[in-house]
Amino acid sequence: MDCKYANTVKILGVGNPTIGQYTGADITIEEMSDKDQNLVIDQRNYFAFLVDDVDKAQSVPGLPQKFQKKAVHALAVKRDSYVAGLAEGATNSITCATLTQEAIKTAIDNALVALRERNVDVDNDVVIEISPAIYKEFKNELIELKTANDELVKKGVVGMYDSAKVIMTNNLLKKEGYLYAMVRTKTAIAFAGQINEVEAGRMEKKFADYIRGLDVFGSKIIAQDEIEVIKFALPATTNTNQGNGEGV
């Protein structure tokens, strides 16, 4: 999707039809209304670095491309961390006091039950997003992927649980003594963005090239019924800063 900073993207949605009881009398035909929402593209991040001519000459070929690949990955981590931070604004949440396998399983089971009780189709591409620490305790509950799908592995999918894909990411929110996890449909959160500019040039007063890029995006929860947040209580000695490691 073509996004520019400060633009607004309209997210199209549809309302739910009313189910009536047929008695043989004339039926009521309703006009269906849409449920459009606006997504503001209000986040922007950039990278900019130089590659010295001497360093480039003394290095293996492709040095600028390797730097650029790392920069693009860092932008992806920024995106993931921002989306993960939306968990704080979720309406529905569960608190888990301990990080034992049994407690984690119970919390995730309760989250899936909560989605089902809100008539969310949990068989329709539901994901369970957990941190490496939670995965360590929960991995024995997972079912291995039916096929060795490299694309799923690249996205952090580590297995299946109760018809949902389990994604491990180091970018989930940590705040005020809690480590957040999300159980949600793929449509619960909207995202739109792209790297708008990637350009290279010569430095004016150095024997070096520069490469820079700009990434703009926006994201928001658009279906509160389709997301359940789990807040895992962290030990008092655990760092509560938001994660910023490898993303998915």
C-alpha atoms as a PDB file:
ATOM      1  CA  MET A   1       0.000   0.000   0.000  1.00  0.00           C
ATOM      2  CA  ASP A   2       1.341   3.410  -0.967  1.00  0.00           C
ATOM      3  CA  CYS A   3       1.686   5.394   2.250  1.00  0.00           C
ATOM      4  CA  LYS A   4       3.034   8.845   2.884  1.00  0.00           C
ATOM      5  CA  TYR A   5       3.700  10.404   6.257  1.00  0.00           C
ATOM      6  CA  ALA A   6       0.572  12.024   7.781  1.00  0.00           C
ATOM      7  CA  ASN A   7      -1.749  10.380   5.254  1.00  0.00           C
ATOM      8  CA  THR A   8      -4.869   8.557   6.402  1.00  0.00           C
ATOM      9  CA  VAL A   9      -5.847   5.158   5.050  1.00  0.00           C
ATOM     10  CA  LYS A  10      -9.505   4.071   5.130  1.00  0.00           C
ATOM     11  CA  ILE A  11      -9.970   0.518   6.374  1.00  0.00           C
ATOM     12  CA  LEU A  12     -13.069  -1.009   4.829  1.00  0.00           C
ATOM     13  CA  GLY A  13     -15.304  -3.210   6.951  1.00  0.00           C
ATOM     14  CA  VAL A  14     -18.813  -4.632   6.839  1.00  0.00           C
ATOM     15  CA  GLY A  15     -21.564  -4.840   9.409  1.00  0.00           C
ATOM     16  CA  ASN A  16     -23.231  -8.021  10.638  1.00  0.00           C
ATOM     17  CA  PRO A  17     -26.598  -8.955   9.105  1.00  0.00           C
ATOM     18  CA  THR A  18     -29.546  -9.396  11.471  1.00  0.00           C
ATOM     19  CA  ILE A  19     -30.861 -12.964  11.775  1.00  0.00           C
ATOM     20  CA  GLY A  20     -34.658 -13.095  11.989  1.00  0.00           C
ATOM     21  CA  GLN A  21     -37.136 -15.914  12.549  1.00  0.00           C
ATOM     22  CA  TYR A  22     -39.234 -16.777   9.509  1.00  0.00           C
ATOM     23  CA  THR A  23     -42.947 -17.168  10.326  1.00  0.00           C
ATOM     24  CA  GLY A  24     -44.416 -17.078   6.834  1.00  0.00           C
ATOM     25  CA  ALA A  25     -45.104 -13.335   7.006  1.00  0.00           C
ATOM     26  CA  ASP A  26     -43.268 -10.760   4.935  1.00  0.00           C
ATOM     27  CA  ILE A  27     -39.602 -10.603   5.804  1.00  0.00           C
ATOM     28  CA  THR A  28     -37.683  -7.422   6.652  1.00  0.00           C
ATOM     29  CA  ILE A  29     -34.880  -6.528   4.284  1.00  0.00           C
ATOM     30  CA  GLU A  30     -32.301  -4.329   5.926  1.00  0.00           C
ATOM     31  CA  GLU A  31     -29.769  -1.979   4.444  1.00  0.00           C
ATOM     32  CA  MET A  32     -26.273  -3.097   5.307  1.00  0.00           C
ATOM     33  CA  SER A  33     -23.942  -0.407   6.612  1.00  0.00           C
ATOM     34  CA  ASP A  34     -20.198  -0.417   6.428  1.00  0.00           C
ATOM     35  CA  LYS A  35     -17.832  -0.101   9.386  1.00  0.00           C
ATOM     36  CA  ASP A  36     -15.071   2.016   7.911  1.00  0.00           C
ATOM     37  CA  GLN A  37     -12.225   3.127  10.162  1.00  0.00           C
ATOM     38  CA  ASN A  38      -9.368   5.506   9.517  1.00  0.00           C
ATOM     39  CA  LEU A  39      -5.752   4.487  10.001  1.00  0.00           C
ATOM     40  CA  VAL A  40      -3.373   7.412  10.427  1.00  0.00           C
ATOM     41  CA  ILE A  41       0.114   6.947   8.980  1.00  0.00           C
ATOM     42  CA  ASP A  42       1.922   8.741  11.790  1.00  0.00           C
ATOM     43  CA  GLN A  43       5.115   6.763  12.433  1.00  0.00           C
ATOM     44  CA  ARG A  44       8.390   7.459  10.634  1.00  0.00           C
ATOM     45  CA  ASN A  45      11.845   5.988  11.103  1.00  0.00           C
ATOM     46  CA  TYR A  46      14.983   6.311   9.047  1.00  0.00           C
ATOM     47  CA  PHE A  47      18.482   4.964   8.595  1.00  0.00           C
ATOM     48  CA  ALA A  48      21.473   6.796   7.180  1.00  0.00           C
ATOM     49  CA  PHE A  49      25.070   5.584   7.020  1.00  0.00           C
ATOM     50  CA  LEU A  50      28.210   6.137   5.011  1.00  0.00           C
ATOM     51  CA  VAL A  51      30.563   3.622   3.445  1.00  0.00           C
ATOM     52  CA  ASP A  52      34.144   4.828   3.306  1.00  0.00           C
ATOM     53  CA  ASP A  53      35.935   4.194  -0.017  1.00  0.00           C
ATOM     54  CA  VAL A  54      38.956   2.694   1.760  1.00  0.00           C
ATOM     55  CA  ASP A  55      36.809   0.376   3.887  1.00  0.00           C
ATOM     56  CA  LYS A  56      34.883  -0.697   0.811  1.00  0.00           C
ATOM     57  CA  ALA A  57      38.084  -1.392  -1.130  1.00  0.00           C
ATOM     58  CA  GLN A  58      39.530  -3.473   1.700  1.00  0.00           C
ATOM     59  CA  SER A  59      36.345  -5.471   2.310  1.00  0.00           C
ATOM     60  CA  VAL A  60      34.632  -8.286   0.504  1.00  0.00           C
ATOM     61  CA  PRO A  61      32.302  -7.206  -2.336  1.00  0.00           C
ATOM     62  CA  GLY A  62      28.791  -6.194  -1.350  1.00  0.00           C
ATOM     63  CA  LEU A  63      29.619  -4.269   1.833  1.00  0.00           C
ATOM     64  CA  PRO A  64      27.016  -1.488   1.251  1.00  0.00           C
ATOM     65  CA  GLN A  65      24.338  -4.087   0.527  1.00  0.00           C
ATOM     66  CA  LYS A  66      25.131  -5.900   3.777  1.00  0.00           C
ATOM     67  CA  PHE A  67      24.850  -2.663   5.746  1.00  0.00           C
ATOM     68  CA  GLN A  68      21.565  -1.876   4.008  1.00  0.00           C
ATOM     69  CA  LYS A  69      20.158  -5.336   4.792  1.00  0.00           C
ATOM     70  CA  LYS A  70      20.932  -4.822   8.484  1.00  0.00           C
ATOM     71  CA  ALA A  71      19.342  -1.361   8.397  1.00  0.00           C
ATOM     72  CA  VAL A  72      16.136  -2.682   6.816  1.00  0.00           C
ATOM     73  CA  HIS A  73      15.996  -5.427   9.444  1.00  0.00           C
ATOM     74  CA  ALA A  74      16.336  -2.807  12.191  1.00  0.00           C
ATOM     75  CA  LEU A  75      13.398  -0.902  10.690  1.00  0.00           C
ATOM     76  CA  ALA A  76      11.355  -4.124  10.754  1.00  0.00           C
ATOM     77  CA  VAL A  77      12.135  -4.526  14.456  1.00  0.00           C
ATOM     78  CA  LYS A  78      10.901  -0.970  15.055  1.00  0.00           C
ATOM     79  CA  ARG A  79       7.661  -1.827  13.272  1.00  0.00           C
ATOM     80  CA  ASP A  80       7.170  -5.027  15.274  1.00  0.00           C
ATOM     81  CA  SER A  81       7.838  -3.265  18.566  1.00  0.00           C
ATOM     82  CA  TYR A  82       5.299  -0.557  17.749  1.00  0.00           C
ATOM     83  CA  VAL A  83       2.605  -3.086  16.820  1.00  0.00           C
ATOM     84  CA  ALA A  84       3.365  -5.110  19.958  1.00  0.00           C
ATOM     85  CA  GLY A  85       2.945  -1.956  22.035  1.00  0.00           C
ATOM     86  CA  LEU A  86      -0.692  -1.735  20.921  1.00  0.00           C
ATOM     87  CA  ALA A  87      -1.378  -4.548  23.404  1.00  0.00           C
ATOM     88  CA  GLU A  88      -1.516  -1.907  26.127  1.00  0.00           C
ATOM     89  CA  GLY A  89      -4.665  -0.502  24.520  1.00  0.00           C
ATOM     90  CA  ALA A  90      -6.514  -3.800  24.220  1.00  0.00           C
ATOM     91  CA  THR A  91      -9.885  -3.937  25.959  1.00  0.00           C
ATOM     92  CA  ASN A  92      -9.682  -7.602  26.973  1.00  0.00           C
ATOM     93  CA  SER A  93      -6.834  -9.001  29.059  1.00  0.00           C
ATOM     94  CA  ILE A  94      -5.873 -11.837  31.391  1.00  0.00           C
ATOM     95  CA  THR A  95      -3.211 -11.685  34.108  1.00  0.00           C
ATOM     96  CA  CYS A  96      -0.933 -14.645  34.803  1.00  0.00           C
ATOM     97  CA  ALA A  97       0.952 -14.496  38.098  1.00  0.00           C
ATOM     98  CA  THR A  98       3.613 -17.158  37.413  1.00  0.00           C
ATOM     99  CA  LEU A  99       5.663 -18.352  34.453  1.00  0.00           C
ATOM    100  CA  THR A 100       5.242 -22.090  34.942  1.00  0.00           C
ATOM    101  CA  GLN A 101       4.214 -24.352  32.071  1.00  0.00           C
ATOM    102  CA  GLU A 102       0.874 -25.097  33.698  1.00  0.00           C
ATOM    103  CA  ALA A 103       0.088 -21.435  34.406  1.00  0.00           C
ATOM    104  CA  ILE A 104       1.050 -20.367  30.881  1.00  0.00           C
ATOM    105  CA  LYS A 105      -1.076 -23.119  29.322  1.00  0.00           C
ATOM    106  CA  THR A 106      -4.054 -22.155  31.477  1.00  0.00           C
ATOM    107  CA  ALA A 107      -3.735 -18.477  30.519  1.00  0.00           C
ATOM    108  CA  ILE A 108      -3.504 -19.243  26.791  1.00  0.00           C
ATOM    109  CA  ASP A 109      -6.418 -21.691  27.032  1.00  0.00           C
ATOM    110  CA  ASN A 110      -8.494 -19.019  28.787  1.00  0.00           C
ATOM    111  CA  ALA A 111      -7.595 -16.484  26.091  1.00  0.00           C
ATOM    112  CA  LEU A 112      -8.736 -18.852  23.332  1.00  0.00           C
ATOM    113  CA  VAL A 113     -11.947 -19.590  25.252  1.00  0.00           C
ATOM    114  CA  ALA A 114     -12.561 -15.840  25.591  1.00  0.00           C
ATOM    115  CA  LEU A 115     -12.267 -15.420  21.813  1.00  0.00           C
ATOM    116  CA  ARG A 116     -14.650 -18.317  21.219  1.00  0.00           C
ATOM    117  CA  GLU A 117     -17.180 -16.919  23.685  1.00  0.00           C
ATOM    118  CA  ARG A 118     -17.138 -13.692  21.669  1.00  0.00           C
ATOM    119  CA  ASN A 119     -17.952 -15.782  18.567  1.00  0.00           C
ATOM    120  CA  VAL A 120     -14.518 -15.259  17.045  1.00  0.00           C
ATOM    121  CA  ASP A 121     -13.651 -18.013  14.600  1.00  0.00           C
ATOM    122  CA  VAL A 122     -10.434 -19.263  16.210  1.00  0.00           C
ATOM    123  CA  ASP A 123      -9.861 -21.655  13.313  1.00  0.00           C
ATOM    124  CA  ASN A 124      -9.501 -18.672  10.971  1.00  0.00           C
ATOM    125  CA  ASP A 125      -5.818 -17.714  11.130  1.00  0.00           C
ATOM    126  CA  VAL A 126      -5.460 -17.018  14.857  1.00  0.00           C
ATOM    127  CA  VAL A 127      -1.950 -16.380  16.158  1.00  0.00           C
ATOM    128  CA  ILE A 128      -0.485 -16.672  19.653  1.00  0.00           C
ATOM    129  CA  GLU A 129       2.438 -14.261  20.045  1.00  0.00           C
ATOM    130  CA  ILE A 130       4.804 -15.096  22.892  1.00  0.00           C
ATOM    131  CA  SER A 131       8.299 -14.131  24.005  1.00  0.00           C
ATOM    132  CA  PRO A 132      11.306 -16.518  24.114  1.00  0.00           C
ATOM    133  CA  ALA A 133      10.916 -16.795  27.898  1.00  0.00           C
ATOM    134  CA  ILE A 134       7.303 -17.923  27.576  1.00  0.00           C
ATOM    135  CA  TYR A 135       8.170 -20.230  24.665  1.00  0.00           C
ATOM    136  CA  LYS A 136      10.813 -21.939  26.799  1.00  0.00           C
ATOM    137  CA  GLU A 137       8.155 -23.033  29.292  1.00  0.00           C
ATOM    138  CA  PHE A 138       5.380 -23.650  26.765  1.00  0.00           C
ATOM    139  CA  LYS A 139       7.169 -25.405  23.885  1.00  0.00           C
ATOM    140  CA  ASN A 140       6.307 -28.924  25.058  1.00  0.00           C
ATOM    141  CA  GLU A 141       2.624 -28.105  24.499  1.00  0.00           C
ATOM    142  CA  LEU A 142       3.140 -27.260  20.835  1.00  0.00           C
ATOM    143  CA  ILE A 143       2.483 -29.394  17.777  1.00  0.00           C
ATOM    144  CA  GLU A 144       5.177 -29.235  15.129  1.00  0.00           C
ATOM    145  CA  LEU A 145       4.327 -27.692  11.780  1.00  0.00           C
ATOM    146  CA  LYS A 146       2.986 -30.272   9.338  1.00  0.00           C
ATOM    147  CA  THR A 147       5.542 -29.214   6.734  1.00  0.00           C
ATOM    148  CA  ALA A 148       8.949 -27.608   6.900  1.00  0.00           C
ATOM    149  CA  ASN A 149       7.703 -24.236   5.680  1.00  0.00           C
ATOM    150  CA  ASP A 150      10.685 -21.889   5.482  1.00  0.00           C
ATOM    151  CA  GLU A 151       8.466 -18.829   5.059  1.00  0.00           C
ATOM    152  CA  LEU A 152       6.603 -19.581   8.295  1.00  0.00           C
ATOM    153  CA  VAL A 153       9.876 -20.157  10.128  1.00  0.00           C
ATOM    154  CA  LYS A 154      11.165 -16.788   8.898  1.00  0.00           C
ATOM    155  CA  LYS A 155       8.047 -15.171  10.384  1.00  0.00           C
ATOM    156  CA  GLY A 156       8.796 -16.715  13.762  1.00  0.00           C
ATOM    157  CA  VAL A 157       6.170 -19.475  13.666  1.00  0.00           C
ATOM    158  CA  VAL A 158       7.424 -22.202  16.025  1.00  0.00           C
ATOM    159  CA  GLY A 159       4.445 -24.564  16.072  1.00  0.00           C
ATOM    160  CA  MET A 160       0.689 -24.947  16.434  1.00  0.00           C
ATOM    161  CA  TYR A 161      -1.526 -24.975  19.524  1.00  0.00           C
ATOM    162  CA  ASP A 162      -5.262 -25.599  19.480  1.00  0.00           C
ATOM    163  CA  SER A 163      -5.523 -24.692  15.750  1.00  0.00           C
ATOM    164  CA  ALA A 164      -3.556 -21.449  16.214  1.00  0.00           C
ATOM    165  CA  LYS A 165      -0.084 -20.588  14.947  1.00  0.00           C
ATOM    166  CA  VAL A 166       2.392 -19.836  17.731  1.00  0.00           C
ATOM    167  CA  ILE A 167       4.828 -17.025  16.948  1.00  0.00           C
ATOM    168  CA  MET A 168       7.919 -16.326  19.021  1.00  0.00           C
ATOM    169  CA  THR A 169       9.175 -12.745  19.014  1.00  0.00           C
ATOM    170  CA  ASN A 170      11.515 -10.721  21.193  1.00  0.00           C
ATOM    171  CA  ASN A 171       9.622  -7.487  20.531  1.00  0.00           C
ATOM    172  CA  LEU A 172       6.603  -7.940  22.801  1.00  0.00           C
ATOM    173  CA  LEU A 173       5.827  -5.211  25.289  1.00  0.00           C
ATOM    174  CA  LYS A 174       7.389  -5.246  28.750  1.00  0.00           C
ATOM    175  CA  LYS A 175       5.968  -2.631  31.092  1.00  0.00           C
ATOM    176  CA  GLU A 176       5.395  -2.070  34.808  1.00  0.00           C
ATOM    177  CA  GLY A 177       6.454  -5.565  35.799  1.00  0.00           C
ATOM    178  CA  TYR A 178       4.498  -7.401  33.100  1.00  0.00           C
ATOM    179  CA  LEU A 179       5.478  -9.216  29.933  1.00  0.00           C
ATOM    180  CA  TYR A 180       2.689  -9.045  27.384  1.00  0.00           C
ATOM    181  CA  ALA A 181       1.522 -11.737  24.977  1.00  0.00           C
ATOM    182  CA  MET A 182      -1.266 -11.543  22.402  1.00  0.00           C
ATOM    183  CA  VAL A 183      -3.802 -14.090  21.214  1.00  0.00           C
ATOM    184  CA  ARG A 184      -5.544 -12.589  18.205  1.00  0.00           C
ATOM    185  CA  THR A 185      -6.810 -12.973  14.693  1.00  0.00           C
ATOM    186  CA  LYS A 186      -4.772 -11.605  11.830  1.00  0.00           C
ATOM    187  CA  THR A 187      -7.524  -9.019  11.258  1.00  0.00           C
ATOM    188  CA  ALA A 188      -7.587  -7.673  14.827  1.00  0.00           C
ATOM    189  CA  ILE A 189      -4.765  -5.219  14.088  1.00  0.00           C
ATOM    190  CA  ALA A 190      -4.470  -3.147  10.924  1.00  0.00           C
ATOM    191  CA  PHE A 191      -1.098  -2.126   9.528  1.00  0.00           C
ATOM    192  CA  ALA A 192      -0.145  -0.036   6.531  1.00  0.00           C
ATOM    193  CA  GLY A 193       3.298   1.180   5.603  1.00  0.00           C
ATOM    194  CA  GLN A 194       6.281   1.016   3.337  1.00  0.00           C
ATOM    195  CA  ILE A 195       9.868   2.172   3.045  1.00  0.00           C
ATOM    196  CA  ASN A 196       9.223   5.329   1.034  1.00  0.00           C
ATOM    197  CA  GLU A 197      12.738   6.334   0.108  1.00  0.00           C
ATOM    198  CA  VAL A 198      16.026   4.476  -0.248  1.00  0.00           C
ATOM    199  CA  GLU A 199      18.718   6.495  -1.921  1.00  0.00           C
ATOM    200  CA  ALA A 200      22.484   6.650  -2.255  1.00  0.00           C
ATOM    201  CA  GLY A 201      24.916   9.454  -3.055  1.00  0.00           C
ATOM    202  CA  ARG A 202      28.412  10.825  -2.565  1.00  0.00           C
ATOM    203  CA  MET A 203      29.462  12.648   0.579  1.00  0.00           C
ATOM    204  CA  GLU A 204      30.531  16.204  -0.226  1.00  0.00           C
ATOM    205  CA  LYS A 205      33.629  16.390   1.985  1.00  0.00           C
ATOM    206  CA  LYS A 206      34.543  12.715   2.354  1.00  0.00           C
ATOM    207  CA  PHE A 207      35.675   9.938   0.061  1.00  0.00           C
ATOM    208  CA  ALA A 208      32.590   7.923   0.862  1.00  0.00           C
ATOM    209  CA  ASP A 209      29.079   7.056  -0.250  1.00  0.00           C
ATOM    210  CA  TYR A 210      25.950   7.521   1.854  1.00  0.00           C
ATOM    211  CA  ILE A 211      22.851   5.345   1.879  1.00  0.00           C
ATOM    212  CA  ARG A 212      19.665   6.416   3.611  1.00  0.00           C
ATOM    213  CA  GLY A 213      16.090   5.235   3.834  1.00  0.00           C
ATOM    214  CA  LEU A 214      12.771   6.393   5.294  1.00  0.00           C
ATOM    215  CA  ASP A 215      10.022   4.099   6.593  1.00  0.00           C
ATOM    216  CA  VAL A 216       6.522   5.415   7.315  1.00  0.00           C
ATOM    217  CA  PHE A 217       3.629   3.391   8.700  1.00  0.00           C
ATOM    218  CA  GLY A 218       0.565   3.315  10.906  1.00  0.00           C
ATOM    219  CA  SER A 219      -1.108   0.584  12.951  1.00  0.00           C
ATOM    220  CA  LYS A 220      -4.089   0.240  15.298  1.00  0.00           C
ATOM    221  CA  ILE A 221      -6.415  -2.303  16.859  1.00  0.00           C
ATOM    222  CA  ILE A 222      -9.545  -2.339  14.708  1.00  0.00           C
ATOM    223  CA  ALA A 223     -11.384  -5.349  16.207  1.00  0.00           C
ATOM    224  CA  GLN A 224     -11.173  -5.427  20.013  1.00  0.00           C
ATOM    225  CA  ASP A 225     -13.303  -8.594  20.188  1.00  0.00           C
ATOM    226  CA  GLU A 226     -10.665 -10.436  18.168  1.00  0.00           C
ATOM    227  CA  ILE A 227      -7.736  -9.867  20.536  1.00  0.00           C
ATOM    228  CA  GLU A 228      -7.036 -11.105  24.057  1.00  0.00           C
ATOM    229  CA  VAL A 229      -3.914  -9.870  25.827  1.00  0.00           C
ATOM    230  CA  ILE A 230      -2.118 -11.933  28.462  1.00  0.00           C
ATOM    231  CA  LYS A 231      -0.041 -10.048  31.041  1.00  0.00           C
ATOM    232  CA  PHE A 232       2.593 -12.306  32.582  1.00  0.00           C
ATOM    233  CA  ALA A 233       3.932 -11.037  35.905  1.00  0.00           C
ATOM    234  CA  LEU A 234       7.731 -10.797  35.812  1.00  0.00           C
ATOM    235  CA  PRO A 235      10.064 -11.510  38.728  1.00  0.00           C
ATOM    236  CA  ALA A 236      11.081  -8.334  40.533  1.00  0.00           C
ATOM    237  CA  THR A 237      14.658  -8.566  39.220  1.00  0.00           C
ATOM    238  CA  THR A 238      13.612  -8.771  35.564  1.00  0.00           C
ATOM    239  CA  ASN A 239      14.308  -5.773  33.315  1.00  0.00           C
ATOM    240  CA  THR A 240      10.961  -4.237  32.342  1.00  0.00           C
ATOM    241  CA  ASN A 241      12.092  -2.265  29.296  1.00  0.00           C
ATOM    242  CA  GLN A 242      10.403  -3.078  26.021  1.00  0.00           C
ATOM    243  CA  GLY A 243      12.198  -5.767  24.041  1.00  0.00           C
ATOM    244  CA  ASN A 244      14.142  -4.735  20.974  1.00  0.00           C
ATOM    245  CA  GLY A 245      15.651  -7.953  19.688  1.00  0.00           C
ATOM    246  CA  GLU A 246      14.981  -9.888  16.517  1.00  0.00           C
ATOM    247  CA  GLY A 247      11.483  -9.492  15.144  1.00  0.00           C
ATOM    248  CA  VAL A 248       9.118 -11.499  12.995  1.00  0.00           C
END
